[in-house]
C-alpha cells in the first residue's frame, strides 16, 4: 500500500495540495482534448473545400473559408497551449501521471488521421497523393515519440513520472515529523561521539521527505534540530 501511495506522488503532501493539483491536471487534460477536437473539426472544414481557402484582404477570394474556421483554428491553438500549461502545474514532483507528454503525439495523430481519411476519399473523388503523404508524415512524427512513451522505460517516466529505482523507505511511525537524508555537511565531527543508528536512520528519513518536497526547508530544519537535540540529551 505504501509503494502505491508513493507512486502516485501524494505521500506526505497536504490534502489541499493534492486536491487542487488533481483539479489542475484534470482541467488541463480535458481542455487539451477539447482544443484538439476543435482543431480537428476546423481542419476537416478546410479539407471539405479542397484544402485551400482564404478570407479577408483586398483581393478576390476564389475559395472562401467556412465561417467557423476563422475562430475555431486560433481558439483551438491558444486553448491547447494553455491547457498543456495548466496540466503541467497539476503534476506532482514526487511522481504521478504526466499526460501532457502525449500532447505532441495526440496532435499529429489527429492531423495525420484526417489527411489519410481525406487522402483516400477526397471531396472530388479518387485519391489524393499529396494528402496521403502528409498523413503518413504526421503519423510517423507522432508514432516515434509515442513508441518510446509506451515502452517500459518511457512508460515508467510518462505514466508515473521519474522516481528512484531503489526501494522506498518504510512509513515513519505515527506522529513522527517525517523522514530525512543525511548530507555530508551534516555529518558529526570526527571528535564527536558516534551517533546512534536510530538517529541516523531518522535523519535519513527526514531528508528523503525533504528531497521529495513533503517538507519545506523550514520544517526540515525544525525536525532535524529536534532529532539532534534529543540525541544530545540522551
Foldseek 3Di string as FASTA:
>chain_A
DVVVCLLAQCVLPDPVLLVVLVVLLVQLVVLLVVLLVLQLVLQLQCQQQPNDADDDDDDDTPHHGPPSNVPSNVVSVVSNVVSLVSNVSSGALSKAARVSVLSLLVNLQSQLVSLCVCQCQGNVGHGHPVSPVSSVVSNVRNPPVVVQCPDPVNVSPRGIRDDDPDDDDDDDDPPQLWAACDDPVNDDDPPDDDFDPVLNRRNHGLNVCCVSVSDDPVSSVVNNVVSVVVRVVD
